[in-house]
Protein backbone atom coordinates (compact mmCIF):
# COMPACT_ATOMS: atom_id res chain seq x y z
CA UNK A 1 28.35 33.88 19.64
CA UNK A 2 28.98 31.18 22.60
CA UNK A 3 25.14 30.02 20.90
CA UNK A 4 26.23 29.85 17.61
CA UNK A 5 27.86 26.80 17.12
CA UNK A 6 25.52 24.74 19.28
CA UNK A 7 22.30 26.00 17.44
CA UNK A 8 24.36 25.36 13.96
CA UNK A 9 25.23 21.97 14.86
CA UNK A 10 21.28 21.10 15.81
CA UNK A 11 20.34 22.75 12.64
CA UNK A 12 22.42 20.50 10.86
CA UNK A 13 21.39 17.30 12.49
CA UNK A 14 17.93 17.87 12.14
CA UNK A 15 18.33 18.33 8.55
CA UNK A 16 20.16 15.20 7.97
CA UNK A 17 17.70 13.38 10.36
CA UNK A 18 14.72 14.97 8.26
CA UNK A 19 16.23 13.83 4.63
CA UNK A 20 14.02 10.95 3.42
CA UNK A 21 15.48 7.84 1.52
CA UNK A 22 14.40 7.56 -1.98
CA UNK A 23 13.16 4.21 -2.84
CA UNK A 24 14.89 2.71 -6.14
CA UNK A 25 11.69 2.35 -8.83
CA UNK A 26 12.16 -1.01 -10.36
CA UNK A 27 9.00 -0.97 -12.45
CA UNK A 28 7.08 2.10 -13.65
CA UNK A 29 3.75 1.77 -15.70
CA UNK A 30 1.13 5.00 -16.57
CA UNK A 31 -1.68 6.32 -18.94
CA UNK A 32 -3.18 9.47 -19.38
CA UNK A 33 -7.13 9.25 -17.98
CA UNK A 34 -9.55 11.94 -18.61
CA UNK A 35 -8.49 14.68 -16.99
CA UNK A 36 -5.42 13.07 -14.93
CA UNK A 37 -3.34 10.11 -14.86
CA UNK A 38 -2.73 6.88 -13.60
CA UNK A 39 0.48 5.55 -12.35
CA UNK A 40 2.18 2.30 -10.99
CA UNK A 41 5.47 2.64 -9.10
CA UNK A 42 6.97 -0.58 -7.60
CA UNK A 43 10.11 -0.02 -5.52
CA UNK A 44 12.91 -2.43 -4.77
CA UNK A 45 11.69 -3.52 -1.83
CA UNK A 46 8.44 -5.25 -3.53
CA UNK A 47 6.45 -2.26 -2.10
CA UNK A 48 4.18 -0.32 -4.94
CA UNK A 49 2.02 2.51 -5.37
CA UNK A 50 -1.14 2.40 -7.76
CA UNK A 51 -2.10 6.58 -7.99
CA UNK A 52 -4.68 7.93 -9.73
CA UNK A 53 -4.47 11.66 -10.23
CA UNK A 54 -6.63 14.13 -11.58
CA UNK A 55 -6.52 17.72 -13.02
CA UNK A 56 -8.49 18.95 -10.40
CA UNK A 57 -7.71 16.59 -7.17
CA UNK A 58 -4.32 15.51 -5.94
CA UNK A 59 -5.00 12.19 -6.47
CA UNK A 60 -5.70 8.99 -4.61
CA UNK A 61 -3.01 6.48 -3.58
CA UNK A 62 -3.22 2.44 -3.00
CA UNK A 63 -0.15 1.24 -1.81
CA UNK A 64 0.96 -2.13 -0.03
CA UNK A 65 3.11 -5.29 -1.53
CA UNK A 66 3.49 -7.07 -4.80
CA UNK A 67 4.92 -10.47 -5.73
CA UNK A 68 5.66 -11.60 -9.37
CA UNK A 69 4.57 -15.10 -10.47
CA UNK A 70 5.40 -15.69 -14.03
CA UNK A 71 4.04 -13.02 -15.62
CA UNK A 72 1.31 -12.14 -13.42
CA UNK A 73 1.62 -9.52 -10.58
CA UNK A 74 -0.32 -9.75 -7.37
CA UNK A 75 -1.12 -6.73 -5.46
CA UNK A 76 -1.53 -6.82 -1.79
CA UNK A 77 -2.88 -3.63 -0.79
CA UNK A 78 -2.81 -2.31 2.69
CA UNK A 79 -6.08 -1.22 2.93
CA UNK A 80 -8.42 -0.02 0.00
CA UNK A 81 -8.23 -1.88 -3.40
CA UNK A 82 -8.63 0.49 -6.25
CA UNK A 83 -11.36 -0.69 -8.99
CA UNK A 84 -8.63 -1.61 -11.35
CA UNK A 85 -8.31 -4.65 -9.16
CA UNK A 86 -5.39 -6.72 -7.40
CA UNK A 87 -3.85 -8.70 -9.96
CA UNK A 88 -2.53 -8.00 -13.71
CA UNK A 89 -0.19 -9.49 -16.17
CA UNK A 90 2.79 -7.91 -17.60
CA UNK A 91 2.64 -8.29 -21.89
CA UNK A 92 3.85 -6.36 -24.62
CA UNK A 93 5.17 -3.74 -23.25
CA UNK A 94 1.93 -3.20 -20.88
CA UNK A 95 0.90 -3.95 -17.47
CA UNK A 96 -2.92 -5.30 -17.88
CA UNK A 97 -4.91 -5.53 -14.72
CA UNK A 98 -7.53 -8.32 -14.63
CA UNK A 99 -10.67 -9.26 -12.29
CA UNK A 100 -11.32 -5.76 -10.96
CA UNK A 101 -14.64 -3.60 -11.88
CA UNK A 102 -12.68 -2.32 -14.60
CA UNK A 103 -9.69 -3.29 -17.03
CA UNK A 104 -6.95 -1.17 -16.76
CA UNK A 105 -3.86 -1.16 -19.24
CA UNK A 106 -0.60 1.02 -18.27
CA UNK A 107 2.04 1.13 -20.47
CA UNK A 108 5.86 0.22 -19.25
CA UNK A 109 8.23 3.15 -19.00
CA UNK A 110 10.64 1.17 -16.53
CA UNK A 111 10.69 -2.76 -16.10
CA UNK A 112 13.56 -4.19 -13.81
CA UNK A 113 11.56 -6.46 -12.19
CA UNK A 114 12.81 -10.41 -11.66
CA UNK A 115 10.95 -13.26 -11.50
CA UNK A 116 12.12 -15.67 -9.01
């Protein structure tokens, strides 16, 4: 009994320390791909995740930071750049990638991204 309070306190402390803070998504776009999905998530702190996910594999996630100038998004990847490239424009409810190995078109689901 004398150890139950310290153990309970330790478990409670570890539970609160393990909580991950959920970042607020300010732009969300996606599209269905052959046998999977492609997602773009931009967070309030100007970080992003570009994810290509298939039925048979968990997916590839490319991350980094992003800057919006006028209607153009400039992605600075932390590591590898996906084949879609590192630039996209916001037009007519879509995020349109250009300059990569193939053009990518994702439909906007949420956009609270503010220009400077």
